[in-house]
Amino acid sequence: MKKRLTGFLICIIMIGTIVITASGNIINKGNSNLLLYNGILYVGGTGEGNYTKIQDAINDASNGDTVFVFDDSSPYFENLIVDKGIILIGENRETTIIDGNQNGNVVYVTVDGVTISGFTIANGKDGYLFAGVDIYANYTTVSSNIIKNNYIGIALWNNNQNYGIILHNNIISDNIIISNSFEGIWFDFCKNSIVKNNILKNNSYSSIHMFSANNNLVSGNDISNNIYGLSLYDDSNNNEVSHNNFVNNEKYCILILDSGKNNISHNNFINSGRRNVKLFYYIWSMRRNKWNGNYWSISKEEPHVIMVSISIRLPGRVGLGIIPWIEFDKNPAQEPHDIS
């Protein structure tokens, strides 16, 4: 008897005398008609016809199907390629584990419209271009997972180096992203995407790194115990960074390099090592960011001064020099914001 699927409504589909339910007993790997009408493929558990490998279920799925993974057979030692627009759901994110066994990406998404939820995703290969979840697609949702012990937790990037392609409309929400050896989340040439309500901590370099990423929202995240909380590099412009907790980051809560027109508001900057934020611009591309209503670890009524370093290195020149500059948060918060 297939383990009952908690939280799903029972769907009854009648085809002549055949009755199928979402928690039913009839899902046969080779019966395409039943798969067509049911739309749910099961992995693990004890049901007749259940798959033993997640990748086999993905291979047999069609766009719009759900692959539901029970925790009975966890951990699943697999490196998945998700090349169908499916919903991939684990029974319990604490106990439904996909382990990459240090063998490349754990989950690699190559098509639009994928949802991944309810897993622990761990142990991707510890090296450049490898991630727990590697996304080369749009309209992807990664939510309510634990993502840990990878080189990069979640990477959204054009890793095929097809120049001119910008990924867009992806959502990363309500995840625990911890103890990844380089970055927690990496956005590379991405726009109109959302990072919200995640816990990001103990990621070695930055919890969130953006490179040429524009018009994205970073909100409601708890970002702590990294070298940098958020890095905005090389024309990462017009992003909204609001209502985040930046706590106990070793060097800076936010590091901005040659990026501007970002709206940075109503964040908590608490107990950082050197300075809450660091900004660095090249003189030929100097731009400003907007700061408003942030809490800077102290209660103060006067505007908060933000130091900026400006390089006088011109294109084609090797000499370096630093010009001091300042920006202001004209309305700093008097006490920490309640961000939950």
C-alpha atoms as a PDB file:
ATOM      1  CA  MET A   1       0.000   0.000   0.000  1.00  0.00           C
ATOM      2  CA  LYS A   2       1.465   3.344  -1.005  1.00  0.00           C
ATOM      3  CA  LYS A   3       2.305   5.622   1.886  1.00  0.00           C
ATOM      4  CA  ARG A   4      -0.417   8.294   2.138  1.00  0.00           C
ATOM      5  CA  LEU A   5       0.642  11.722   0.907  1.00  0.00           C
ATOM      6  CA  THR A   6       0.048  14.176   3.768  1.00  0.00           C
ATOM      7  CA  GLY A   7      -1.024  17.660   2.705  1.00  0.00           C
ATOM      8  CA  PHE A   8      -2.249  16.666  -0.772  1.00  0.00           C
ATOM      9  CA  LEU A   9      -5.938  16.666  -1.662  1.00  0.00           C
ATOM     10  CA  ILE A  10      -7.208  13.314  -2.901  1.00  0.00           C
ATOM     11  CA  CYS A  11      -7.749  13.536  -6.629  1.00  0.00           C
ATOM     12  CA  ILE A  12     -10.159  11.040  -8.152  1.00  0.00           C
ATOM     13  CA  ILE A  13     -10.028  10.596 -11.896  1.00  0.00           C
ATOM     14  CA  MET A  14     -12.432   8.172 -13.524  1.00  0.00           C
ATOM     15  CA  ILE A  15     -11.608   6.617 -16.862  1.00  0.00           C
ATOM     16  CA  GLY A  16     -14.329   4.102 -17.571  1.00  0.00           C
ATOM     17  CA  THR A  17     -14.103   1.813 -14.552  1.00  0.00           C
ATOM     18  CA  ILE A  18     -10.601   2.930 -13.485  1.00  0.00           C
ATOM     19  CA  VAL A  19     -10.286   5.140 -10.370  1.00  0.00           C
ATOM     20  CA  ILE A  20      -6.983   6.767  -9.485  1.00  0.00           C
ATOM     21  CA  THR A  21      -6.206   8.881  -6.406  1.00  0.00           C
ATOM     22  CA  ALA A  22      -3.239  11.081  -5.584  1.00  0.00           C
ATOM     23  CA  SER A  23      -2.411   8.719  -2.733  1.00  0.00           C
ATOM     24  CA  GLY A  24      -3.666   5.669  -4.580  1.00  0.00           C
ATOM     25  CA  ASN A  25      -2.198   2.286  -5.261  1.00  0.00           C
ATOM     26  CA  ILE A  26      -2.005   2.319  -9.047  1.00  0.00           C
ATOM     27  CA  ILE A  27       1.015   3.967 -10.570  1.00  0.00           C
ATOM     28  CA  ASN A  28       2.840   1.646 -12.917  1.00  0.00           C
ATOM     29  CA  LYS A  29       6.117   2.769 -14.400  1.00  0.00           C
ATOM     30  CA  GLY A  30       5.270   1.530 -17.860  1.00  0.00           C
ATOM     31  CA  ASN A  31       1.623   2.661 -18.041  1.00  0.00           C
ATOM     32  CA  SER A  32       1.711   5.993 -19.845  1.00  0.00           C
ATOM     33  CA  ASN A  33      -2.072   6.428 -19.696  1.00  0.00           C
ATOM     34  CA  LEU A  34      -2.092   6.303 -15.902  1.00  0.00           C
ATOM     35  CA  LEU A  35       0.831   8.711 -15.732  1.00  0.00           C
ATOM     36  CA  LEU A  36      -0.922  11.026 -18.130  1.00  0.00           C
ATOM     37  CA  TYR A  37      -4.065  11.282 -16.006  1.00  0.00           C
ATOM     38  CA  ASN A  38      -2.498  11.082 -12.573  1.00  0.00           C
ATOM     39  CA  GLY A  39       0.460  13.426 -13.098  1.00  0.00           C
ATOM     40  CA  ILE A  40       2.317  12.240  -9.977  1.00  0.00           C
ATOM     41  CA  LEU A  41       5.324   9.925 -10.004  1.00  0.00           C
ATOM     42  CA  TYR A  42       6.494   8.491  -6.682  1.00  0.00           C
ATOM     43  CA  VAL A  43      10.048   7.693  -5.622  1.00  0.00           C
ATOM     44  CA  GLY A  44      10.921   5.548  -2.607  1.00  0.00           C
ATOM     45  CA  GLY A  45       8.354   4.237  -0.186  1.00  0.00           C
ATOM     46  CA  THR A  46       6.748   0.827  -0.621  1.00  0.00           C
ATOM     47  CA  GLY A  47       4.114   1.397  -3.268  1.00  0.00           C
ATOM     48  CA  GLU A  48       3.916  -0.961  -6.222  1.00  0.00           C
ATOM     49  CA  GLY A  49       5.504   0.702  -9.230  1.00  0.00           C
ATOM     50  CA  ASN A  50       7.387   3.338  -7.207  1.00  0.00           C
ATOM     51  CA  TYR A  51      10.740   4.380  -8.587  1.00  0.00           C
ATOM     52  CA  THR A  52      13.942   3.723  -6.686  1.00  0.00           C
ATOM     53  CA  LYS A  53      15.871   6.600  -8.292  1.00  0.00           C
ATOM     54  CA  ILE A  54      14.748  10.200  -8.611  1.00  0.00           C
ATOM     55  CA  GLN A  55      16.412  10.590 -12.007  1.00  0.00           C
ATOM     56  CA  ASP A  56      14.417   7.678 -13.451  1.00  0.00           C
ATOM     57  CA  ALA A  57      11.178   9.385 -12.416  1.00  0.00           C
ATOM     58  CA  ILE A  58      12.329  12.680 -13.937  1.00  0.00           C
ATOM     59  CA  ASN A  59      13.209  10.896 -17.179  1.00  0.00           C
ATOM     60  CA  ASP A  60       9.713   9.409 -17.406  1.00  0.00           C
ATOM     61  CA  ALA A  61       7.878  12.588 -16.358  1.00  0.00           C
ATOM     62  CA  SER A  62       6.236  15.105 -18.644  1.00  0.00           C
ATOM     63  CA  ASN A  63       6.079  18.861 -18.310  1.00  0.00           C
ATOM     64  CA  GLY A  64       3.683  19.761 -15.521  1.00  0.00           C
ATOM     65  CA  ASP A  65       4.035  16.472 -13.639  1.00  0.00           C
ATOM     66  CA  THR A  66       4.959  16.150  -9.966  1.00  0.00           C
ATOM     67  CA  VAL A  67       7.762  13.878  -8.774  1.00  0.00           C
ATOM     68  CA  PHE A  68       7.160  13.150  -5.099  1.00  0.00           C
ATOM     69  CA  VAL A  69      10.069  11.634  -3.155  1.00  0.00           C
ATOM     70  CA  PHE A  70       9.449   9.708   0.073  1.00  0.00           C
ATOM     71  CA  ASP A  71      12.094   9.749   2.788  1.00  0.00           C
ATOM     72  CA  ASP A  72      12.003   5.965   3.374  1.00  0.00           C
ATOM     73  CA  SER A  73      14.872   5.335   0.947  1.00  0.00           C
ATOM     74  CA  SER A  74      16.846   8.458   1.842  1.00  0.00           C
ATOM     75  CA  PRO A  75      19.615   9.400   1.294  1.00  0.00           C
ATOM     76  CA  TYR A  76      19.450   9.336  -2.494  1.00  0.00           C
ATOM     77  CA  PHE A  77      23.010   9.377  -3.826  1.00  0.00           C
ATOM     78  CA  GLU A  78      22.331  11.062  -7.152  1.00  0.00           C
ATOM     79  CA  ASN A  79      23.342  13.973  -9.359  1.00  0.00           C
ATOM     80  CA  LEU A  80      20.095  15.068 -10.967  1.00  0.00           C
ATOM     81  CA  ILE A  81      19.484  16.747 -14.319  1.00  0.00           C
ATOM     82  CA  VAL A  82      16.051  18.343 -14.336  1.00  0.00           C
ATOM     83  CA  ASP A  83      15.200  18.855 -17.991  1.00  0.00           C
ATOM     84  CA  LYS A  84      11.404  18.838 -17.666  1.00  0.00           C
ATOM     85  CA  GLY A  85       9.185  21.592 -16.295  1.00  0.00           C
ATOM     86  CA  ILE A  86       8.182  19.578 -13.231  1.00  0.00           C
ATOM     87  CA  ILE A  87       7.438  20.005  -9.536  1.00  0.00           C
ATOM     88  CA  LEU A  88      10.026  18.060  -7.517  1.00  0.00           C
ATOM     89  CA  ILE A  89       8.897  17.613  -3.910  1.00  0.00           C
ATOM     90  CA  GLY A  90      10.472  15.855  -0.949  1.00  0.00           C
ATOM     91  CA  GLU A  91       8.383  14.429   1.888  1.00  0.00           C
ATOM     92  CA  ASN A  92      10.352  16.208   4.634  1.00  0.00           C
ATOM     93  CA  ARG A  93      13.261  18.565   4.142  1.00  0.00           C
ATOM     94  CA  GLU A  94      14.987  17.258   7.271  1.00  0.00           C
ATOM     95  CA  THR A  95      14.906  13.618   6.189  1.00  0.00           C
ATOM     96  CA  THR A  96      14.564  13.551   2.386  1.00  0.00           C
ATOM     97  CA  ILE A  97      18.216  13.911   1.370  1.00  0.00           C
ATOM     98  CA  ILE A  98      19.779  14.183  -2.077  1.00  0.00           C
ATOM     99  CA  ASP A  99      23.513  13.591  -1.622  1.00  0.00           C
ATOM    100  CA  GLY A 100      25.778  14.516  -4.536  1.00  0.00           C
ATOM    101  CA  ASN A 101      28.597  12.389  -3.155  1.00  0.00           C
ATOM    102  CA  GLN A 102      31.139  15.080  -4.166  1.00  0.00           C
ATOM    103  CA  ASN A 103      30.450  14.294  -7.834  1.00  0.00           C
ATOM    104  CA  GLY A 104      29.444  17.517  -9.617  1.00  0.00           C
ATOM    105  CA  ASN A 105      26.220  19.474  -9.149  1.00  0.00           C
ATOM    106  CA  VAL A 106      23.617  17.829  -6.950  1.00  0.00           C
ATOM    107  CA  VAL A 107      20.680  19.232  -8.940  1.00  0.00           C
ATOM    108  CA  TYR A 108      21.122  20.858 -12.359  1.00  0.00           C
ATOM    109  CA  VAL A 109      18.079  22.682 -13.784  1.00  0.00           C
ATOM    110  CA  THR A 110      18.143  23.260 -17.543  1.00  0.00           C
ATOM    111  CA  VAL A 111      14.539  24.191 -18.417  1.00  0.00           C
ATOM    112  CA  ASP A 112      12.072  26.875 -17.355  1.00  0.00           C
ATOM    113  CA  GLY A 113       9.253  26.385 -14.894  1.00  0.00           C
ATOM    114  CA  VAL A 114      10.782  23.970 -12.347  1.00  0.00           C
ATOM    115  CA  THR A 115       9.879  23.923  -8.637  1.00  0.00           C
ATOM    116  CA  ILE A 116      12.123  22.214  -6.051  1.00  0.00           C
ATOM    117  CA  SER A 117      10.921  21.946  -2.462  1.00  0.00           C
ATOM    118  CA  GLY A 118      11.248  19.793   0.637  1.00  0.00           C
ATOM    119  CA  PHE A 119      14.797  18.385   0.424  1.00  0.00           C
ATOM    120  CA  THR A 120      18.178  18.466   2.042  1.00  0.00           C
ATOM    121  CA  ILE A 121      20.560  19.016  -0.887  1.00  0.00           C
ATOM    122  CA  ALA A 122      24.159  18.376   0.091  1.00  0.00           C
ATOM    123  CA  ASN A 123      27.675  17.380  -0.856  1.00  0.00           C
ATOM    124  CA  GLY A 124      28.086  18.731  -4.354  1.00  0.00           C
ATOM    125  CA  LYS A 125      31.617  18.745  -5.714  1.00  0.00           C
ATOM    126  CA  ASP A 126      33.871  21.218  -3.925  1.00  0.00           C
ATOM    127  CA  GLY A 127      35.162  23.209  -6.880  1.00  0.00           C
ATOM    128  CA  TYR A 128      34.463  26.063  -9.297  1.00  0.00           C
ATOM    129  CA  LEU A 129      31.187  25.871 -11.266  1.00  0.00           C
ATOM    130  CA  PHE A 130      29.600  23.280  -8.973  1.00  0.00           C
ATOM    131  CA  ALA A 131      26.583  23.869  -6.745  1.00  0.00           C
ATOM    132  CA  GLY A 132      23.938  22.203  -4.678  1.00  0.00           C
ATOM    133  CA  VAL A 133      21.345  23.602  -7.097  1.00  0.00           C
ATOM    134  CA  ASP A 134      22.707  24.879 -10.411  1.00  0.00           C
ATOM    135  CA  ILE A 135      20.090  26.810 -12.397  1.00  0.00           C
ATOM    136  CA  TYR A 136      20.416  27.655 -16.080  1.00  0.00           C
ATOM    137  CA  ALA A 137      16.750  28.524 -16.579  1.00  0.00           C
ATOM    138  CA  ASN A 138      13.963  31.006 -15.866  1.00  0.00           C
ATOM    139  CA  TYR A 139      10.829  30.888 -13.698  1.00  0.00           C
ATOM    140  CA  THR A 140      12.476  28.437 -11.282  1.00  0.00           C
ATOM    141  CA  THR A 141      11.332  28.245  -7.665  1.00  0.00           C
ATOM    142  CA  VAL A 142      13.602  26.777  -4.976  1.00  0.00           C
ATOM    143  CA  SER A 143      11.798  26.883  -1.641  1.00  0.00           C
ATOM    144  CA  SER A 144      11.761  25.266   1.805  1.00  0.00           C
ATOM    145  CA  ASN A 145      14.962  23.246   1.379  1.00  0.00           C
ATOM    146  CA  ILE A 146      18.124  22.765   3.418  1.00  0.00           C
ATOM    147  CA  ILE A 147      21.141  23.341   1.181  1.00  0.00           C
ATOM    148  CA  LYS A 148      24.490  22.654   2.790  1.00  0.00           C
ATOM    149  CA  ASN A 149      28.058  21.447   2.363  1.00  0.00           C
ATOM    150  CA  ASN A 150      28.389  22.368  -1.300  1.00  0.00           C
ATOM    151  CA  TYR A 151      30.875  24.678  -3.007  1.00  0.00           C
ATOM    152  CA  ILE A 152      28.030  27.073  -3.877  1.00  0.00           C
ATOM    153  CA  GLY A 153      24.608  26.526  -2.357  1.00  0.00           C
ATOM    154  CA  ILE A 154      22.468  27.829  -5.242  1.00  0.00           C
ATOM    155  CA  ALA A 155      23.934  29.191  -8.482  1.00  0.00           C
ATOM    156  CA  LEU A 156      21.893  31.097 -11.046  1.00  0.00           C
ATOM    157  CA  TRP A 157      24.187  31.718 -13.942  1.00  0.00           C
ATOM    158  CA  ASN A 158      24.890  31.328 -17.604  1.00  0.00           C
ATOM    159  CA  ASN A 159      27.389  28.550 -17.036  1.00  0.00           C
ATOM    160  CA  ASN A 160      27.332  27.583 -20.701  1.00  0.00           C
ATOM    161  CA  GLN A 161      28.810  31.015 -21.472  1.00  0.00           C
ATOM    162  CA  ASN A 162      26.228  31.807 -24.131  1.00  0.00           C
ATOM    163  CA  TYR A 163      26.873  35.518 -24.120  1.00  0.00           C
ATOM    164  CA  GLY A 164      23.868  37.796 -24.090  1.00  0.00           C
ATOM    165  CA  ILE A 165      21.633  35.380 -22.177  1.00  0.00           C
ATOM    166  CA  ILE A 166      20.291  36.870 -18.948  1.00  0.00           C
ATOM    167  CA  LEU A 167      18.346  34.630 -16.593  1.00  0.00           C
ATOM    168  CA  HIS A 168      15.190  36.072 -15.102  1.00  0.00           C
ATOM    169  CA  ASN A 169      12.162  35.577 -12.862  1.00  0.00           C
ATOM    170  CA  ASN A 170      13.619  32.991 -10.497  1.00  0.00           C
ATOM    171  CA  ILE A 171      12.603  32.710  -6.832  1.00  0.00           C
ATOM    172  CA  ILE A 172      14.689  31.463  -3.886  1.00  0.00           C
ATOM    173  CA  SER A 173      12.631  31.522  -0.696  1.00  0.00           C
ATOM    174  CA  ASP A 174      12.329  30.032   2.781  1.00  0.00           C
ATOM    175  CA  ASN A 175      15.472  27.900   2.507  1.00  0.00           C
ATOM    176  CA  ILE A 176      18.209  27.191   5.038  1.00  0.00           C
ATOM    177  CA  ILE A 177      21.480  27.687   3.155  1.00  0.00           C
ATOM    178  CA  ILE A 178      24.421  26.904   5.411  1.00  0.00           C
ATOM    179  CA  SER A 179      28.047  25.825   5.520  1.00  0.00           C
ATOM    180  CA  ASN A 180      28.789  26.026   1.804  1.00  0.00           C
ATOM    181  CA  SER A 181      32.503  26.399   1.197  1.00  0.00           C
ATOM    182  CA  PHE A 182      32.374  29.406  -1.162  1.00  0.00           C
ATOM    183  CA  GLU A 183      29.052  31.215  -1.696  1.00  0.00           C
ATOM    184  CA  GLY A 184      25.562  30.660  -0.367  1.00  0.00           C
ATOM    185  CA  ILE A 185      23.773  32.083  -3.436  1.00  0.00           C
ATOM    186  CA  TRP A 186      25.445  33.280  -6.651  1.00  0.00           C
ATOM    187  CA  PHE A 187      23.530  35.473  -9.145  1.00  0.00           C
ATOM    188  CA  ASP A 188      25.409  35.986 -12.425  1.00  0.00           C
ATOM    189  CA  PHE A 189      23.717  38.032 -15.199  1.00  0.00           C
ATOM    190  CA  CYS A 190      20.279  37.664 -13.598  1.00  0.00           C
ATOM    191  CA  LYS A 191      17.355  40.059 -13.384  1.00  0.00           C
ATOM    192  CA  ASN A 192      13.840  40.344 -11.961  1.00  0.00           C
ATOM    193  CA  SER A 193      14.437  37.565  -9.441  1.00  0.00           C
ATOM    194  CA  ILE A 194      13.693  37.228  -5.730  1.00  0.00           C
ATOM    195  CA  VAL A 195      15.721  36.061  -2.724  1.00  0.00           C
ATOM    196  CA  LYS A 196      13.465  36.219   0.329  1.00  0.00           C
ATOM    197  CA  ASN A 197      12.990  34.782   3.808  1.00  0.00           C
ATOM    198  CA  ASN A 198      16.060  32.542   3.713  1.00  0.00           C
ATOM    199  CA  ILE A 199      18.468  31.724   6.528  1.00  0.00           C
ATOM    200  CA  LEU A 200      22.016  32.081   5.194  1.00  0.00           C
ATOM    201  CA  LYS A 201      24.883  31.448   7.584  1.00  0.00           C
ATOM    202  CA  ASN A 202      28.399  30.044   7.811  1.00  0.00           C
ATOM    203  CA  ASN A 203      28.940  30.305   4.055  1.00  0.00           C
ATOM    204  CA  SER A 204      32.636  30.883   3.702  1.00  0.00           C
ATOM    205  CA  TYR A 205      32.803  33.939   1.421  1.00  0.00           C
ATOM    206  CA  SER A 206      29.484  35.672   0.712  1.00  0.00           C
ATOM    207  CA  SER A 207      26.026  34.486   1.597  1.00  0.00           C
ATOM    208  CA  ILE A 208      24.689  36.263  -1.502  1.00  0.00           C
ATOM    209  CA  HIS A 209      26.943  37.288  -4.389  1.00  0.00           C
ATOM    210  CA  MET A 210      25.617  39.235  -7.379  1.00  0.00           C
ATOM    211  CA  PHE A 211      27.631  39.856 -10.539  1.00  0.00           C
ATOM    212  CA  SER A 212      26.049  42.062 -13.223  1.00  0.00           C
ATOM    213  CA  ALA A 213      22.662  41.329 -11.681  1.00  0.00           C
ATOM    214  CA  ASN A 214      19.926  43.953 -12.011  1.00  0.00           C
ATOM    215  CA  ASN A 215      16.423  44.666 -10.748  1.00  0.00           C
ATOM    216  CA  ASN A 216      16.378  41.866  -8.187  1.00  0.00           C
ATOM    217  CA  LEU A 217      14.787  41.793  -4.722  1.00  0.00           C
ATOM    218  CA  VAL A 218      16.683  40.653  -1.605  1.00  0.00           C
ATOM    219  CA  SER A 219      14.347  40.843   1.370  1.00  0.00           C
ATOM    220  CA  GLY A 220      13.556  39.246   4.700  1.00  0.00           C
ATOM    221  CA  ASN A 221      16.736  37.168   4.888  1.00  0.00           C
ATOM    222  CA  ASP A 222      18.750  36.316   7.994  1.00  0.00           C
ATOM    223  CA  ILE A 223      22.410  36.618   6.916  1.00  0.00           C
ATOM    224  CA  SER A 224      25.093  35.822   9.471  1.00  0.00           C
ATOM    225  CA  ASN A 225      28.584  34.476  10.137  1.00  0.00           C
ATOM    226  CA  ASN A 226      30.074  34.904   6.661  1.00  0.00           C
ATOM    227  CA  ILE A 227      33.053  36.948   5.468  1.00  0.00           C
ATOM    228  CA  TYR A 228      30.656  39.179   3.511  1.00  0.00           C
ATOM    229  CA  GLY A 229      26.888  39.163   3.868  1.00  0.00           C
ATOM    230  CA  LEU A 230      26.001  40.507   0.409  1.00  0.00           C
ATOM    231  CA  SER A 231      28.376  41.342  -2.453  1.00  0.00           C
ATOM    232  CA  LEU A 232      27.265  43.518  -5.387  1.00  0.00           C
ATOM    233  CA  TYR A 233      29.891  43.407  -8.151  1.00  0.00           C
ATOM    234  CA  ASP A 234      30.392  44.921 -11.596  1.00  0.00           C
ATOM    235  CA  ASP A 235      27.197  46.682 -12.629  1.00  0.00           C
ATOM    236  CA  SER A 236      24.820  45.027 -10.207  1.00  0.00           C
ATOM    237  CA  ASN A 237      22.412  47.937 -10.367  1.00  0.00           C
ATOM    238  CA  ASN A 238      18.847  48.847  -9.414  1.00  0.00           C
ATOM    239  CA  ASN A 239      18.447  46.059  -6.872  1.00  0.00           C
ATOM    240  CA  GLU A 240      16.148  46.319  -3.843  1.00  0.00           C
ATOM    241  CA  VAL A 241      17.868  45.207  -0.608  1.00  0.00           C
ATOM    242  CA  SER A 242      15.450  45.643   2.267  1.00  0.00           C
ATOM    243  CA  HIS A 243      14.388  44.238   5.646  1.00  0.00           C
ATOM    244  CA  ASN A 244      17.329  41.859   6.039  1.00  0.00           C
ATOM    245  CA  ASN A 245      19.238  40.952   9.192  1.00  0.00           C
ATOM    246  CA  PHE A 246      23.018  41.208   8.669  1.00  0.00           C
ATOM    247  CA  VAL A 247      24.616  39.901  11.864  1.00  0.00           C
ATOM    248  CA  ASN A 248      28.189  38.899  12.823  1.00  0.00           C
ATOM    249  CA  ASN A 249      29.696  38.976   9.343  1.00  0.00           C
ATOM    250  CA  GLU A 250      33.483  38.912   9.564  1.00  0.00           C
ATOM    251  CA  LYS A 251      34.358  41.887   7.338  1.00  0.00           C
ATOM    252  CA  TYR A 252      31.327  43.658   5.889  1.00  0.00           C
ATOM    253  CA  CYS A 253      27.575  43.236   5.838  1.00  0.00           C
ATOM    254  CA  ILE A 254      27.504  44.605   2.277  1.00  0.00           C
ATOM    255  CA  LEU A 255      30.411  44.984  -0.150  1.00  0.00           C
ATOM    256  CA  ILE A 256      29.695  47.060  -3.264  1.00  0.00           C
ATOM    257  CA  LEU A 257      32.159  47.184  -6.152  1.00  0.00           C
ATOM    258  CA  ASP A 258      31.359  49.437  -9.099  1.00  0.00           C
ATOM    259  CA  SER A 259      27.576  49.062  -8.738  1.00  0.00           C
ATOM    260  CA  GLY A 260      24.938  51.705  -8.119  1.00  0.00           C
ATOM    261  CA  LYS A 261      21.335  52.853  -8.007  1.00  0.00           C
ATOM    262  CA  ASN A 262      20.576  50.109  -5.498  1.00  0.00           C
ATOM    263  CA  ASN A 263      17.901  50.868  -2.908  1.00  0.00           C
ATOM    264  CA  ILE A 264      19.227  49.646   0.464  1.00  0.00           C
ATOM    265  CA  SER A 265      16.657  50.264   3.167  1.00  0.00           C
ATOM    266  CA  HIS A 266      15.367  49.113   6.565  1.00  0.00           C
ATOM    267  CA  ASN A 267      18.086  46.518   7.124  1.00  0.00           C
ATOM    268  CA  ASN A 268      19.799  45.673  10.408  1.00  0.00           C
ATOM    269  CA  PHE A 269      23.609  45.919  10.307  1.00  0.00           C
ATOM    270  CA  ILE A 270      24.869  44.412  13.553  1.00  0.00           C
ATOM    271  CA  ASN A 271      28.270  43.347  14.903  1.00  0.00           C
ATOM    272  CA  SER A 272      30.324  43.287  11.736  1.00  0.00           C
ATOM    273  CA  GLY A 273      34.080  42.990  11.940  1.00  0.00           C
ATOM    274  CA  ARG A 274      35.534  45.977  10.066  1.00  0.00           C
ATOM    275  CA  ARG A 275      32.681  48.131   8.883  1.00  0.00           C
ATOM    276  CA  ASN A 276      29.033  47.560   8.154  1.00  0.00           C
ATOM    277  CA  VAL A 277      29.386  48.391   4.474  1.00  0.00           C
ATOM    278  CA  LYS A 278      32.262  48.952   2.046  1.00  0.00           C
ATOM    279  CA  LEU A 279      31.890  50.736  -1.279  1.00  0.00           C
ATOM    280  CA  PHE A 280      34.481  50.950  -4.044  1.00  0.00           C
ATOM    281  CA  TYR A 281      33.988  52.739  -7.388  1.00  0.00           C
ATOM    282  CA  TYR A 282      36.116  53.412 -10.432  1.00  0.00           C
ATOM    283  CA  ILE A 283      36.286  57.109 -11.160  1.00  0.00           C
ATOM    284  CA  TRP A 284      34.956  56.754 -14.715  1.00  0.00           C
ATOM    285  CA  SER A 285      31.860  54.884 -13.603  1.00  0.00           C
ATOM    286  CA  MET A 286      31.060  56.477 -10.276  1.00  0.00           C
ATOM    287  CA  ARG A 287      27.443  56.140  -9.190  1.00  0.00           C
ATOM    288  CA  ARG A 288      25.487  56.379  -5.989  1.00  0.00           C
ATOM    289  CA  ASN A 289      23.292  54.017  -4.031  1.00  0.00           C
ATOM    290  CA  LYS A 290      20.259  55.042  -2.002  1.00  0.00           C
ATOM    291  CA  TRP A 291      20.361  54.331   1.747  1.00  0.00           C
ATOM    292  CA  ASN A 292      17.314  54.790   3.941  1.00  0.00           C
ATOM    293  CA  GLY A 293      16.183  53.767   7.397  1.00  0.00           C
ATOM    294  CA  ASN A 294      18.849  51.166   8.140  1.00  0.00           C
ATOM    295  CA  TYR A 295      19.899  50.296  11.681  1.00  0.00           C
ATOM    296  CA  TRP A 296      23.669  50.721  12.041  1.00  0.00           C
ATOM    297  CA  SER A 297      24.278  48.984  15.399  1.00  0.00           C
ATOM    298  CA  ILE A 298      23.740  52.222  17.306  1.00  0.00           C
ATOM    299  CA  SER A 299      20.856  54.577  17.955  1.00  0.00           C
ATOM    300  CA  LYS A 300      21.458  57.924  16.272  1.00  0.00           C
ATOM    301  CA  GLU A 301      19.320  60.752  15.030  1.00  0.00           C
ATOM    302  CA  GLU A 302      21.812  62.423  12.715  1.00  0.00           C
ATOM    303  CA  PRO A 303      22.517  61.032   9.221  1.00  0.00           C
ATOM    304  CA  HIS A 304      24.837  58.033   9.114  1.00  0.00           C
ATOM    305  CA  VAL A 305      28.025  58.571   7.102  1.00  0.00           C
ATOM    306  CA  ILE A 306      29.044  55.794   4.692  1.00  0.00           C
ATOM    307  CA  MET A 307      32.649  55.855   3.527  1.00  0.00           C
ATOM    308  CA  VAL A 308      33.402  55.258  -0.141  1.00  0.00           C
ATOM    309  CA  SER A 309      36.752  54.515  -1.820  1.00  0.00           C
ATOM    310  CA  ILE A 310      37.212  55.771  -5.378  1.00  0.00           C
ATOM    311  CA  SER A 311      39.992  54.507  -7.604  1.00  0.00           C
ATOM    312  CA  ILE A 312      41.645  57.042  -9.916  1.00  0.00           C
ATOM    313  CA  ARG A 313      42.925  54.223 -12.139  1.00  0.00           C
ATOM    314  CA  LEU A 314      41.882  55.080 -15.684  1.00  0.00           C
ATOM    315  CA  PRO A 315      41.297  52.562 -18.484  1.00  0.00           C
ATOM    316  CA  GLY A 316      44.617  51.279 -19.765  1.00  0.00           C
ATOM    317  CA  ARG A 317      46.586  52.619 -16.789  1.00  0.00           C
ATOM    318  CA  VAL A 318      48.177  50.541 -14.066  1.00  0.00           C
ATOM    319  CA  GLY A 319      48.551  53.198 -11.385  1.00  0.00           C
ATOM    320  CA  LEU A 320      46.209  53.140  -8.412  1.00  0.00           C
ATOM    321  CA  GLY A 321      45.151  55.819  -6.008  1.00  0.00           C
ATOM    322  CA  ILE A 322      42.280  56.239  -3.602  1.00  0.00           C
ATOM    323  CA  ILE A 323      40.044  59.293  -3.244  1.00  0.00           C
ATOM    324  CA  PRO A 324      37.827  59.365  -0.154  1.00  0.00           C
ATOM    325  CA  TRP A 325      34.120  59.976  -0.706  1.00  0.00           C
ATOM    326  CA  ILE A 326      30.979  59.660   1.376  1.00  0.00           C
ATOM    327  CA  GLU A 327      27.334  58.671   1.040  1.00  0.00           C
ATOM    328  CA  PHE A 328      24.600  59.088   3.668  1.00  0.00           C
ATOM    329  CA  ASP A 329      21.734  57.259   5.248  1.00  0.00           C
ATOM    330  CA  LYS A 330      19.760  60.409   6.070  1.00  0.00           C
ATOM    331  CA  ASN A 331      17.136  58.606   8.118  1.00  0.00           C
ATOM    332  CA  PRO A 332      18.861  55.878  10.181  1.00  0.00           C
ATOM    333  CA  ALA A 333      16.707  53.689  12.415  1.00  0.00           C
ATOM    334  CA  GLN A 334      16.852  54.302  16.151  1.00  0.00           C
ATOM    335  CA  GLU A 335      16.538  50.617  17.040  1.00  0.00           C
ATOM    336  CA  PRO A 336      16.712  47.294  15.194  1.00  0.00           C
ATOM    337  CA  HIS A 337      13.889  46.472  12.836  1.00  0.00           C
ATOM    338  CA  ASP A 338      11.665  43.536  13.723  1.00  0.00           C
ATOM    339  CA  ILE A 339      12.461  41.170  10.870  1.00  0.00           C
ATOM    340  CA  SER A 340      10.912  37.755  11.207  1.00  0.00           C
END
